[in-house]
Full PDB file with SEQRES, HELIX, SHEET, SSBOND, CRYST1, ORIGX, SCALE, CONECT and MASTER records, all heavy atoms in Angstrom:
SEQRES   1 A   38  GLU GLU ARG GLU ILE ALA LYS THR VAL MET ASP ARG ASN          
SEQRES   2 A   38  PRO ASP ASN TRP ARG SER GLU TRP LEU ARG LEU ARG GLY          
SEQRES   3 A   38  LEU ASP LEU TRP ALA ASP TYR LEU GLU SER ILE THR              
HELIX    1 AA1 GLU A    2  ARG A   12  1                                  11    
HELIX    2 AA2 TRP A   17  LEU A   24  1                                   8    
HELIX    3 AA3 ASP A   28  SER A   36  1                                   9    
CRYST1    1.000    1.000    1.000  90.00  90.00  90.00 P 1           1          
ORIGX1      1.000000  0.000000  0.000000        0.00000                         
ORIGX2      0.000000  1.000000  0.000000        0.00000                         
ORIGX3      0.000000  0.000000  1.000000        0.00000                         
SCALE1      1.000000  0.000000  0.000000        0.00000                         
SCALE2      0.000000  1.000000  0.000000        0.00000                         
SCALE3      0.000000  0.000000  1.000000        0.00000                         
ATOM      1  N   GLU A   1      30.064   9.593  59.999  1.00  0.00           N  
ATOM      2  CA  GLU A   1      28.913   9.810  59.115  1.00  0.00           C  
ATOM      3  C   GLU A   1      29.020   8.988  57.827  1.00  0.00           C  
ATOM      4  O   GLU A   1      28.063   8.326  57.424  1.00  0.00           O  
ATOM      5  CB  GLU A   1      28.778  11.292  58.776  1.00  0.00           C  
ATOM      6  CG  GLU A   1      27.563  11.608  57.941  1.00  0.00           C  
ATOM      7  CD  GLU A   1      27.421  13.098  57.666  1.00  0.00           C  
ATOM      8  OE1 GLU A   1      27.845  13.911  58.506  1.00  0.00           O  
ATOM      9  OE2 GLU A   1      26.881  13.425  56.605  1.00  0.00           O  
ATOM     10  N   GLU A   2      30.188   9.014  57.191  1.00  0.00           N  
ATOM     11  CA  GLU A   2      30.360   8.231  55.962  1.00  0.00           C  
ATOM     12  C   GLU A   2      30.286   6.730  56.226  1.00  0.00           C  
ATOM     13  O   GLU A   2      29.748   5.983  55.421  1.00  0.00           O  
ATOM     14  CB  GLU A   2      31.673   8.589  55.268  1.00  0.00           C  
ATOM     15  CG  GLU A   2      31.590   9.885  54.505  1.00  0.00           C  
ATOM     16  CD  GLU A   2      32.788  10.101  53.617  1.00  0.00           C  
ATOM     17  OE1 GLU A   2      33.906   9.673  53.978  1.00  0.00           O  
ATOM     18  OE2 GLU A   2      32.609  10.695  52.549  1.00  0.00           O  
ATOM     19  N   ARG A   3      30.830   6.280  57.344  1.00  0.00           N  
ATOM     20  CA  ARG A   3      30.742   4.856  57.684  1.00  0.00           C  
ATOM     21  C   ARG A   3      29.289   4.442  57.904  1.00  0.00           C  
ATOM     22  O   ARG A   3      28.875   3.352  57.502  1.00  0.00           O  
ATOM     23  CB  ARG A   3      31.595   4.537  58.912  1.00  0.00           C  
ATOM     24  CG  ARG A   3      33.090   4.504  58.604  1.00  0.00           C  
ATOM     25  CD  ARG A   3      33.903   3.927  59.752  1.00  0.00           C  
ATOM     26  NE  ARG A   3      33.713   4.599  61.014  1.00  0.00           N  
ATOM     27  CZ  ARG A   3      34.408   5.654  61.436  1.00  0.00           C  
ATOM     28  NH1 ARG A   3      35.351   6.150  60.667  1.00  0.00           N  
ATOM     29  NH2 ARG A   3      34.173   6.196  62.615  1.00  0.00           N  
ATOM     30  N   GLU A   4      28.497   5.308  58.522  1.00  0.00           N  
ATOM     31  CA  GLU A   4      27.082   5.010  58.723  1.00  0.00           C  
ATOM     32  C   GLU A   4      26.331   4.954  57.394  1.00  0.00           C  
ATOM     33  O   GLU A   4      25.460   4.104  57.209  1.00  0.00           O  
ATOM     34  CB  GLU A   4      26.453   6.033  59.672  1.00  0.00           C  
ATOM     35  CG  GLU A   4      26.904   5.844  61.112  1.00  0.00           C  
ATOM     36  CD  GLU A   4      26.345   6.896  62.055  1.00  0.00           C  
ATOM     37  OE1 GLU A   4      25.453   7.676  61.651  1.00  0.00           O  
ATOM     38  OE2 GLU A   4      26.800   6.932  63.209  1.00  0.00           O  
ATOM     39  N   ILE A   5      26.669   5.845  56.480  1.00  0.00           N  
ATOM     40  CA  ILE A   5      26.048   5.821  55.147  1.00  0.00           C  
ATOM     41  C   ILE A   5      26.400   4.513  54.452  1.00  0.00           C  
ATOM     42  O   ILE A   5      25.535   3.861  53.861  1.00  0.00           O  
ATOM     43  CB  ILE A   5      26.488   7.044  54.307  1.00  0.00           C  
ATOM     44  CG1 ILE A   5      25.904   8.322  54.907  1.00  0.00           C  
ATOM     45  CG2 ILE A   5      26.068   6.879  52.848  1.00  0.00           C  
ATOM     46  CD1 ILE A   5      26.488   9.598  54.323  1.00  0.00           C  
ATOM     47  N   ALA A   6      27.667   4.123  54.520  1.00  0.00           N  
ATOM     48  CA  ALA A   6      28.098   2.869  53.890  1.00  0.00           C  
ATOM     49  C   ALA A   6      27.354   1.684  54.488  1.00  0.00           C  
ATOM     50  O   ALA A   6      26.889   0.791  53.760  1.00  0.00           O  
ATOM     51  CB  ALA A   6      29.610   2.691  54.045  1.00  0.00           C  
ATOM     52  N   LYS A   7      27.209   1.667  55.806  1.00  0.00           N  
ATOM     53  CA  LYS A   7      26.489   0.576  56.462  1.00  0.00           C  
ATOM     54  C   LYS A   7      25.034   0.537  56.014  1.00  0.00           C  
ATOM     55  O   LYS A   7      24.485  -0.534  55.749  1.00  0.00           O  
ATOM     56  CB  LYS A   7      26.583   0.703  57.971  1.00  0.00           C  
ATOM     57  CG  LYS A   7      25.931  -0.455  58.710  1.00  0.00           C  
ATOM     58  CD  LYS A   7      26.104  -0.324  60.196  1.00  0.00           C  
ATOM     59  CE  LYS A   7      25.457  -1.422  60.992  1.00  0.00           C  
ATOM     60  NZ  LYS A   7      24.438  -2.215  60.407  1.00  0.00           N  
ATOM     61  N   THR A   8      24.414   1.688  55.898  1.00  0.00           N  
ATOM     62  CA  THR A   8      23.024   1.756  55.434  1.00  0.00           C  
ATOM     63  C   THR A   8      22.891   1.208  54.026  1.00  0.00           C  
ATOM     64  O   THR A   8      21.962   0.447  53.725  1.00  0.00           O  
ATOM     65  CB  THR A   8      22.504   3.210  55.501  1.00  0.00           C  
ATOM     66  OG1 THR A   8      22.572   3.664  56.854  1.00  0.00           O  
ATOM     67  CG2 THR A   8      21.077   3.313  54.996  1.00  0.00           C  
ATOM     68  N   VAL A   9      23.822   1.589  53.150  1.00  0.00           N  
ATOM     69  CA  VAL A   9      23.795   1.080  51.771  1.00  0.00           C  
ATOM     70  C   VAL A   9      23.924  -0.441  51.774  1.00  0.00           C  
ATOM     71  O   VAL A   9      23.194  -1.139  51.063  1.00  0.00           O  
ATOM     72  CB  VAL A   9      24.909   1.730  50.913  1.00  0.00           C  
ATOM     73  CG1 VAL A   9      25.066   1.035  49.574  1.00  0.00           C  
ATOM     74  CG2 VAL A   9      24.624   3.212  50.714  1.00  0.00           C  
ATOM     75  N   MET A  10      24.810  -0.980  52.587  1.00  0.00           N  
ATOM     76  CA  MET A  10      24.997  -2.435  52.666  1.00  0.00           C  
ATOM     77  C   MET A  10      23.761  -3.123  53.219  1.00  0.00           C  
ATOM     78  O   MET A  10      23.353  -4.167  52.712  1.00  0.00           O  
ATOM     79  CB  MET A  10      26.212  -2.761  53.535  1.00  0.00           C  
ATOM     80  CG  MET A  10      27.525  -2.436  52.890  1.00  0.00           C  
ATOM     81  SD  MET A  10      28.901  -2.911  53.967  1.00  0.00           S  
ATOM     82  CE  MET A  10      29.847  -1.422  53.950  1.00  0.00           C  
ATOM     83  N   ASP A  11      23.167  -2.532  54.250  1.00  0.00           N  
ATOM     84  CA  ASP A  11      21.978  -3.132  54.864  1.00  0.00           C  
ATOM     85  C   ASP A  11      20.783  -3.129  53.913  1.00  0.00           C  
ATOM     86  O   ASP A  11      20.014  -4.093  53.860  1.00  0.00           O  
ATOM     87  CB  ASP A  11      21.594  -2.402  56.151  1.00  0.00           C  
ATOM     88  CG  ASP A  11      22.594  -2.632  57.280  1.00  0.00           C  
ATOM     89  OD1 ASP A  11      23.414  -3.584  57.177  1.00  0.00           O  
ATOM     90  OD2 ASP A  11      22.560  -1.859  58.260  1.00  0.00           O  
ATOM     91  N   ARG A  12      20.609  -2.052  53.167  1.00  0.00           N  
ATOM     92  CA  ARG A  12      19.458  -1.923  52.264  1.00  0.00           C  
ATOM     93  C   ARG A  12      19.620  -2.685  50.958  1.00  0.00           C  
ATOM     94  O   ARG A  12      18.645  -2.964  50.272  1.00  0.00           O  
ATOM     95  CB  ARG A  12      19.196  -0.451  51.954  1.00  0.00           C  
ATOM     96  CG  ARG A  12      18.669   0.319  53.128  1.00  0.00           C  
ATOM     97  CD  ARG A  12      18.347   1.730  52.758  1.00  0.00           C  
ATOM     98  NE  ARG A  12      17.847   2.462  53.917  1.00  0.00           N  
ATOM     99  CZ  ARG A  12      17.687   3.759  53.954  1.00  0.00           C  
ATOM    100  NH1 ARG A  12      17.958   4.502  52.883  1.00  0.00           N  
ATOM    101  NH2 ARG A  12      17.240   4.348  55.050  1.00  0.00           N  
ATOM    102  N   ASN A  13      20.860  -2.965  50.590  1.00  0.00           N  
ATOM    103  CA  ASN A  13      21.147  -3.609  49.305  1.00  0.00           C  
ATOM    104  C   ASN A  13      22.129  -4.755  49.496  1.00  0.00           C  
ATOM    105  O   ASN A  13      23.239  -4.722  48.959  1.00  0.00           O  
ATOM    106  CB  ASN A  13      21.746  -2.588  48.327  1.00  0.00           C  
ATOM    107  CG  ASN A  13      20.898  -1.362  48.169  1.00  0.00           C  
ATOM    108  OD1 ASN A  13      19.889  -1.389  47.500  1.00  0.00           O  
ATOM    109  ND2 ASN A  13      21.289  -0.283  48.823  1.00  0.00           N  
ATOM    110  N   PRO A  14      21.761  -5.792  50.236  1.00  0.00           N  
ATOM    111  CA  PRO A  14      22.734  -6.841  50.557  1.00  0.00           C  
ATOM    112  C   PRO A  14      23.303  -7.551  49.328  1.00  0.00           C  
ATOM    113  O   PRO A  14      24.447  -8.017  49.362  1.00  0.00           O  
ATOM    114  CB  PRO A  14      21.956  -7.810  51.448  1.00  0.00           C  
ATOM    115  CG  PRO A  14      20.522  -7.500  51.212  1.00  0.00           C  
ATOM    116  CD  PRO A  14      20.445  -6.066  50.799  1.00  0.00           C  
ATOM    117  N   ASP A  15      22.550  -7.627  48.249  1.00  0.00           N  
ATOM    118  CA  ASP A  15      23.037  -8.343  47.066  1.00  0.00           C  
ATOM    119  C   ASP A  15      23.811  -7.469  46.084  1.00  0.00           C  
ATOM    120  O   ASP A  15      24.587  -7.990  45.284  1.00  0.00           O  
ATOM    121  CB  ASP A  15      21.862  -9.005  46.336  1.00  0.00           C  
ATOM    122  CG  ASP A  15      21.194 -10.071  47.191  1.00  0.00           C  
ATOM    123  OD1 ASP A  15      21.892 -10.692  48.021  1.00  0.00           O  
ATOM    124  OD2 ASP A  15      19.978 -10.265  47.034  1.00  0.00           O  
ATOM    125  N   ASN A  16      23.588  -6.182  46.115  1.00  0.00           N  
ATOM    126  CA  ASN A  16      24.268  -5.321  45.142  1.00  0.00           C  
ATOM    127  C   ASN A  16      24.750  -4.013  45.769  1.00  0.00           C  
ATOM    128  O   ASN A  16      24.777  -2.976  45.127  1.00  0.00           O  
ATOM    129  CB  ASN A  16      23.361  -5.037  43.952  1.00  0.00           C  
ATOM    130  CG  ASN A  16      22.148  -4.209  44.330  1.00  0.00           C  
ATOM    131  OD1 ASN A  16      21.726  -4.216  45.473  1.00  0.00           O  
ATOM    132  ND2 ASN A  16      21.601  -3.497  43.379  1.00  0.00           N  
ATOM    133  N   TRP A  17      25.177  -4.088  47.023  1.00  0.00           N  
ATOM    134  CA  TRP A  17      25.604  -2.874  47.709  1.00  0.00           C  
ATOM    135  C   TRP A  17      26.813  -2.231  47.053  1.00  0.00           C  
ATOM    136  O   TRP A  17      26.961  -1.018  47.088  1.00  0.00           O  
ATOM    137  CB  TRP A  17      25.869  -3.140  49.189  1.00  0.00           C  
ATOM    138  CG  TRP A  17      27.034  -4.028  49.485  1.00  0.00           C  
ATOM    139  CD1 TRP A  17      27.022  -5.379  49.632  1.00  0.00           C  
ATOM    140  CD2 TRP A  17      28.397  -3.619  49.651  1.00  0.00           C  
ATOM    141  NE1 TRP A  17      28.291  -5.841  49.889  1.00  0.00           N  
ATOM    142  CE2 TRP A  17      29.160  -4.770  49.902  1.00  0.00           C  
ATOM    143  CE3 TRP A  17      29.037  -2.378  49.613  1.00  0.00           C  
ATOM    144  CZ2 TRP A  17      30.522  -4.730  50.110  1.00  0.00           C  
ATOM    145  CZ3 TRP A  17      30.407  -2.336  49.821  1.00  0.00           C  
ATOM    146  CH2 TRP A  17      31.137  -3.498  50.067  1.00  0.00           C  
ATOM    147  N   ARG A  18      27.668  -3.026  46.407  1.00  0.00           N  
ATOM    148  CA  ARG A  18      28.878  -2.459  45.781  1.00  0.00           C  
ATOM    149  C   ARG A  18      28.513  -1.505  44.654  1.00  0.00           C  
ATOM    150  O   ARG A  18      29.040  -0.394  44.571  1.00  0.00           O  
ATOM    151  CB  ARG A  18      29.780  -3.576  45.271  1.00  0.00           C  
ATOM    152  CG  ARG A  18      30.412  -4.396  46.376  1.00  0.00           C  
ATOM    153  CD  ARG A  18      31.057  -5.676  45.816  1.00  0.00           C  
ATOM    154  NE  ARG A  18      31.378  -6.621  46.847  1.00  0.00           N  
ATOM    155  CZ  ARG A  18      30.515  -7.496  47.362  1.00  0.00           C  
ATOM    156  NH1 ARG A  18      29.281  -7.564  46.920  1.00  0.00           N  
ATOM    157  NH2 ARG A  18      30.888  -8.313  48.311  1.00  0.00           N  
ATOM    158  N   SER A  19      27.605  -1.921  43.799  1.00  0.00           N  
ATOM    159  CA  SER A  19      27.202  -1.039  42.700  1.00  0.00           C  
ATOM    160  C   SER A  19      26.414   0.157  43.231  1.00  0.00           C  
ATOM    161  O   SER A  19      26.556   1.276  42.725  1.00  0.00           O  
ATOM    162  CB  SER A  19      26.418  -1.801  41.632  1.00  0.00           C  
ATOM    163  OG  SER A  19      25.274  -2.402  42.170  1.00  0.00           O  
ATOM    164  N   GLU A  20      25.593  -0.047  44.251  1.00  0.00           N  
ATOM    165  CA  GLU A  20      24.854   1.074  44.829  1.00  0.00           C  
ATOM    166  C   GLU A  20      25.796   2.087  45.463  1.00  0.00           C  
ATOM    167  O   GLU A  20      25.573   3.300  45.384  1.00  0.00           O  
ATOM    168  CB  GLU A  20      23.826   0.582  45.849  1.00  0.00           C  
ATOM    169  CG  GLU A  20      22.678  -0.174  45.231  1.00  0.00           C  
ATOM    170  CD  GLU A  20      21.950   0.626  44.158  1.00  0.00           C  
ATOM    171  OE1 GLU A  20      21.674   1.831  44.374  1.00  0.00           O  
ATOM    172  OE2 GLU A  20      21.659   0.048  43.091  1.00  0.00           O  
ATOM    173  N   TRP A  21      26.854   1.604  46.083  1.00  0.00           N  
ATOM    174  CA  TRP A  21      27.856   2.508  46.663  1.00  0.00           C  
ATOM    175  C   TRP A  21      28.523   3.337  45.571  1.00  0.00           C  
ATOM    176  O   TRP A  21      28.720   4.545  45.725  1.00  0.00           O  
ATOM    177  CB  TRP A  21      28.890   1.711  47.456  1.00  0.00           C  
ATOM    178  CG  TRP A  21      29.927   2.597  48.070  1.00  0.00           C  
ATOM    179  CD1 TRP A  21      31.222   2.741  47.682  1.00  0.00           C  
ATOM    180  CD2 TRP A  21      29.734   3.478  49.178  1.00  0.00           C  
ATOM    181  NE1 TRP A  21      31.858   3.658  48.484  1.00  0.00           N  
ATOM    182  CE2 TRP A  21      30.961   4.129  49.409  1.00  0.00           C  
ATOM    183  CE3 TRP A  21      28.648   3.790  49.988  1.00  0.00           C  
ATOM    184  CZ2 TRP A  21      31.127   5.063  50.424  1.00  0.00           C  
ATOM    185  CZ3 TRP A  21      28.819   4.731  50.998  1.00  0.00           C  
ATOM    186  CH2 TRP A  21      30.050   5.349  51.194  1.00  0.00           C  
ATOM    187  N   LEU A  22      28.879   2.685  44.463  1.00  0.00           N  
ATOM    188  CA  LEU A  22      29.487   3.418  43.352  1.00  0.00           C  
ATOM    189  C   LEU A  22      28.530   4.479  42.811  1.00  0.00           C  
ATOM    190  O   LEU A  22      28.938   5.594  42.489  1.00  0.00           O  
ATOM    191  CB  LEU A  22      29.914   2.451  42.251  1.00  0.00           C  
ATOM    192  CG  LEU A  22      31.097   1.543  42.605  1.00  0.00           C  
ATOM    193  CD1 LEU A  22      31.316   0.514  41.506  1.00  0.00           C  
ATOM    194  CD2 LEU A  22      32.360   2.350  42.848  1.00  0.00           C  
ATOM    195  N   ARG A  23      27.251   4.154  42.692  1.00  0.00           N  
ATOM    196  CA  ARG A  23      26.265   5.134  42.226  1.00  0.00           C  
ATOM    197  C   ARG A  23      26.182   6.322  43.186  1.00  0.00           C  
ATOM    198  O   ARG A  23      26.120   7.479  42.758  1.00  0.00           O  
ATOM    199  CB  ARG A  23      24.892   4.489  42.092  1.00  0.00           C  
ATOM    200  CG  ARG A  23      24.761   3.598  40.910  1.00  0.00           C  
ATOM    201  CD  ARG A  23      23.330   3.104  40.722  1.00  0.00           C  
ATOM    202  NE  ARG A  23      23.327   1.869  39.982  1.00  0.00           N  
ATOM    203  CZ  ARG A  23      23.680   1.736  38.716  1.00  0.00           C  
ATOM    204  NH1 ARG A  23      24.081   2.783  38.028  1.00  0.00           N  
ATOM    205  NH2 ARG A  23      23.662   0.562  38.126  1.00  0.00           N  
ATOM    206  N   LEU A  24      26.176   6.030  44.464  1.00  0.00           N  
ATOM    207  CA  LEU A  24      26.128   7.090  45.463  1.00  0.00           C  
ATOM    208  C   LEU A  24      27.325   8.026  45.325  1.00  0.00           C  
ATOM    209  O   LEU A  24      27.222   9.221  45.571  1.00  0.00           O  
ATOM    210  CB  LEU A  24      26.095   6.467  46.863  1.00  0.00           C  
ATOM    211  CG  LEU A  24      25.923   7.417  48.029  1.00  0.00           C  
ATOM    212  CD1 LEU A  24      24.562   8.102  47.981  1.00  0.00           C  
ATOM    213  CD2 LEU A  24      26.073   6.659  49.336  1.00  0.00           C  
ATOM    214  N   ARG A  25      28.450   7.491  44.906  1.00  0.00           N  
ATOM    215  CA  ARG A  25      29.666   8.278  44.716  1.00  0.00           C  
ATOM    216  C   ARG A  25      29.742   8.927  43.326  1.00  0.00           C  
ATOM    217  O   ARG A  25      30.759   9.500  42.962  1.00  0.00           O  
ATOM    218  CB  ARG A  25      30.902   7.389  44.921  1.00  0.00           C  
ATOM    219  CG  ARG A  25      31.071   6.856  46.313  1.00  0.00           C  
ATOM    220  CD  ARG A  25      31.272   7.984  47.299  1.00  0.00           C  
ATOM    221  NE  ARG A  25      31.705   7.477  48.583  1.00  0.00           N  
ATOM    222  CZ  ARG A  25      32.507   8.127  49.391  1.00  0.00           C  
ATOM    223  NH1 ARG A  25      32.962   9.301  49.072  1.00  0.00           N  
ATOM    224  NH2 ARG A  25      32.820   7.607  50.547  1.00  0.00           N  
ATOM    225  N   GLY A  26      28.659   8.784  42.539  1.00  0.00           N  
ATOM    226  CA  GLY A  26      28.625   9.417  41.219  1.00  0.00           C  
ATOM    227  C   GLY A  26      29.349   8.639  40.146  1.00  0.00           C  
ATOM    228  O   GLY A  26      29.721   9.199  39.113  1.00  0.00           O  
ATOM    229  N   LEU A  27      29.543   7.350  40.356  1.00  0.00           N  
ATOM    230  CA  LEU A  27      30.277   6.510  39.414  1.00  0.00           C  
ATOM    231  C   LEU A  27      29.331   5.511  38.753  1.00  0.00           C  
ATOM    232  O   LEU A  27      29.516   4.303  38.812  1.00  0.00           O  
ATOM    233  CB  LEU A  27      31.427   5.804  40.141  1.00  0.00           C  
ATOM    234  CG  LEU A  27      32.452   6.758  40.760  1.00  0.00           C  
ATOM    235  CD1 LEU A  27      33.336   6.045  41.745  1.00  0.00           C  
ATOM    236  CD2 LEU A  27      33.277   7.440  39.682  1.00  0.00           C  
ATOM    237  N   ASP A  28      28.299   6.042  38.109  1.00  0.00           N  
ATOM    238  CA  ASP A  28      27.248   5.211  37.514  1.00  0.00           C  
ATOM    239  C   ASP A  28      27.770   4.232  36.462  1.00  0.00           C  
ATOM    240  O   ASP A  28      27.319   3.084  36.414  1.00  0.00           O  
ATOM    241  CB  ASP A  28      26.158   6.088  36.895  1.00  0.00           C  
ATOM    242  CG  ASP A  28      25.391   6.884  37.937  1.00  0.00           C  
ATOM    243  OD1 ASP A  28      25.544   6.609  39.142  1.00  0.00           O  
ATOM    244  OD2 ASP A  28      24.645   7.794  37.543  1.00  0.00           O  
ATOM    245  N   LEU A  29      28.689   4.668  35.616  1.00  0.00           N  
ATOM    246  CA  LEU A  29      29.208   3.767  34.577  1.00  0.00           C  
ATOM    247  C   LEU A  29      29.932   2.575  35.188  1.00  0.00           C  
ATOM    248  O   LEU A  29      29.805   1.446  34.713  1.00  0.00           O  
ATOM    249  CB  LEU A  29      30.125   4.517  33.610  1.00  0.00           C  
ATOM    250  CG  LEU A  29      29.437   5.535  32.711  1.00  0.00           C  
ATOM    251  CD1 LEU A  29      30.467   6.308  31.889  1.00  0.00           C  
ATOM    252  CD2 LEU A  29      28.422   4.867  31.810  1.00  0.00           C  
ATOM    253  N   TRP A  30      30.683   2.817  36.240  1.00  0.00           N  
ATOM    254  CA  TRP A  30      31.375   1.720  36.919  1.00  0.00           C  
ATOM    255  C   TRP A  30      30.374   0.804  37.614  1.00  0.00           C  
ATOM    256  O   TRP A  30      30.559  -0.410  37.651  1.00  0.00           O  
ATOM    257  CB  TRP A  30      32.406   2.250  37.912  1.00  0.00           C  
ATOM    258  CG  TRP A  30      33.636   2.733  37.218  1.00  0.00           C  
ATOM    259  CD1 TRP A  30      33.983   4.015  36.946  1.00  0.00           C  
ATOM    260  CD2 TRP A  30      34.676   1.916  36.672  1.00  0.00           C  
ATOM    261  NE1 TRP A  30      35.180   4.044  36.274  1.00  0.00           N  
ATOM    262  CE2 TRP A  30      35.617   2.774  36.093  1.00  0.00           C  
ATOM    263  CE3 TRP A  30      34.899   0.542  36.625  1.00  0.00           C  
ATOM    264  CZ2 TRP A  30      36.772   2.315  35.474  1.00  0.00           C  
ATOM    265  CZ3 TRP A  30      36.052   0.076  36.009  1.00  0.00           C  
ATOM    266  CH2 TRP A  30      36.973   0.963  35.442  1.00  0.00           C  
ATOM    267  N   ALA A  31      29.309   1.387  38.163  1.00  0.00           N  
ATOM    268  CA  ALA A  31      28.262   0.572  38.793  1.00  0.00           C  
ATOM    269  C   ALA A  31      27.593  -0.318  37.748  1.00  0.00           C  
ATOM    270  O   ALA A  31      27.355  -1.505  37.992  1.00  0.00           O  
ATOM    271  CB  ALA A  31      27.229   1.475  39.464  1.00  0.00           C  
ATOM    272  N   ASP A  32      27.309   0.250  36.577  1.00  0.00           N  
ATOM    273  CA  ASP A  32      26.718  -0.544  35.487  1.00  0.00           C  
ATOM    274  C   ASP A  32      27.643  -1.684  35.086  1.00  0.00           C  
ATOM    275  O   ASP A  32      27.203  -2.821  34.880  1.00  0.00           O  
ATOM    276  CB  ASP A  32      26.438   0.334  34.261  1.00  0.00           C  
ATOM    277  CG  ASP A  32      25.331   1.347  34.498  1.00  0.00           C  
ATOM    278  OD1 ASP A  32      24.563   1.190  35.472  1.00  0.00           O  
ATOM    279  OD2 ASP A  32      25.255   2.307  33.704  1.00  0.00           O  
ATOM    280  N   TYR A  33      28.930  -1.377  34.982  1.00  0.00           N  
ATOM    281  CA  TYR A  33      29.906  -2.407  34.627  1.00  0.00           C  
ATOM    282  C   TYR A  33      29.912  -3.518  35.669  1.00  0.00           C  
ATOM    283  O   TYR A  33      29.879  -4.701  35.340  1.00  0.00           O  
ATOM    284  CB  TYR A  33      31.302  -1.802  34.485  1.00  0.00           C  
ATOM    285  CG  TYR A  33      32.387  -2.852  34.389  1.00  0.00           C  
ATOM    286  CD1 TYR A  33      32.533  -3.611  33.234  1.00  0.00           C  
ATOM    287  CD2 TYR A  33      33.225  -3.105  35.465  1.00  0.00           C  
ATOM    288  CE1 TYR A  33      33.504  -4.597  33.152  1.00  0.00           C  
ATOM    289  CE2 TYR A  33      34.196  -4.086  35.389  1.00  0.00           C  
ATOM    290  CZ  TYR A  33      34.336  -4.829  34.231  1.00  0.00           C  
ATOM    291  OH  TYR A  33      35.291  -5.803  34.166  1.00  0.00           O  
ATOM    292  N   LEU A  34      29.956  -3.133  36.928  1.00  0.00           N  
ATOM    293  CA  LEU A  34      29.983  -4.125  37.999  1.00  0.00           C  
ATOM    294  C   LEU A  34      28.753  -5.027  37.949  1.00  0.00           C  
ATOM    295  O   LEU A  34      28.848  -6.233  38.146  1.00  0.00           O  
ATOM    296  CB  LEU A  34      30.075  -3.427  39.357  1.00  0.00           C  
ATOM    297  CG  LEU A  34      30.302  -4.294  40.578  1.00  0.00           C  
ATOM    298  CD1 LEU A  34      31.584  -5.115  40.438  1.00  0.00           C  
ATOM    299  CD2 LEU A  34      30.359  -3.436  41.823  1.00  0.00           C  
ATOM    300  N   GLU A  35      27.596  -4.445  37.651  1.00  0.00           N  
ATOM    301  CA  GLU A  35      26.365  -5.234  37.560  1.00  0.00           C  
ATOM    302  C   GLU A  35      26.342  -6.143  36.333  1.00  0.00           C  
ATOM    303  O   GLU A  35      25.615  -7.127  36.306  1.00  0.00           O  
ATOM    304  CB  GLU A  35      25.157  -4.309  37.543  1.00  0.00           C  
ATOM    305  CG  GLU A  35      24.920  -3.644  38.880  1.00  0.00           C  
ATOM    306  CD  GLU A  35      23.838  -2.595  38.840  1.00  0.00           C  
ATOM    307  OE1 GLU A  35      23.394  -2.206  37.728  1.00  0.00           O  
ATOM    308  OE2 GLU A  35      23.428  -2.147  39.930  1.00  0.00           O  
ATOM    309  N   SER A  36      27.150  -5.820  35.337  1.00  0.00           N  
ATOM    310  CA  SER A  36      27.133  -6.589  34.089  1.00  0.00           C  
ATOM    311  C   SER A  36      28.016  -7.828  34.112  1.00  0.00           C  
ATOM    312  O   SER A  36      27.926  -8.673  33.226  1.00  0.00           O  
ATOM    313  CB  SER A  36      27.559  -5.703  32.916  1.00  0.00           C  
ATOM    314  OG  SER A  36      28.959  -5.475  32.945  1.00  0.00           O  
ATOM    315  N   ILE A  37      28.887  -7.942  35.108  1.00  0.00           N  
ATOM    316  CA  ILE A  37      29.803  -9.083  35.142  1.00  0.00           C  
ATOM    317  C   ILE A  37      29.338 -10.114  36.164  1.00  0.00           C  
ATOM    318  O   ILE A  37      28.604  -9.798  37.095  1.00  0.00           O  
ATOM    319  CB  ILE A  37      31.258  -8.636  35.433  1.00  0.00           C  
ATOM    320  CG1 ILE A  37      31.359  -7.934  36.785  1.00  0.00           C  
ATOM    321  CG2 ILE A  37      31.775  -7.744  34.328  1.00  0.00           C  
ATOM    322  CD1 ILE A  37      32.760  -7.538  37.179  1.00  0.00           C  
ATOM    323  N   THR A  38      29.801 -11.338  35.982  1.00  0.00           N  
ATOM    324  CA  THR A  38      29.446 -12.414  36.908  1.00  0.00           C  
ATOM    325  C   THR A  38      30.312 -12.301  38.167  1.00  0.00           C  
ATOM    326  O   THR A  38      31.366 -11.657  38.149  1.00  0.00           O  
ATOM    327  CB  THR A  38      29.694 -13.792  36.261  1.00  0.00           C  
ATOM    328  OG1 THR A  38      31.099 -13.953  36.058  1.00  0.00           O  
ATOM    329  CG2 THR A  38      28.933 -13.946  34.961  1.00  0.00           C  
TER     330      THR A  38                                                      
MASTER        0    0    0    3    0    0    0    6  329    1    0    3          
END                                                                             
């Protein structure tokens, strides 16, 4: 189930799936940080 959720997040957000995954896990500040760096 978790692997399927991860795959869905990657499929729906190919350019920023990492930050979306962090948000899904309740780590919004880390997601913001990840989006702020090159």
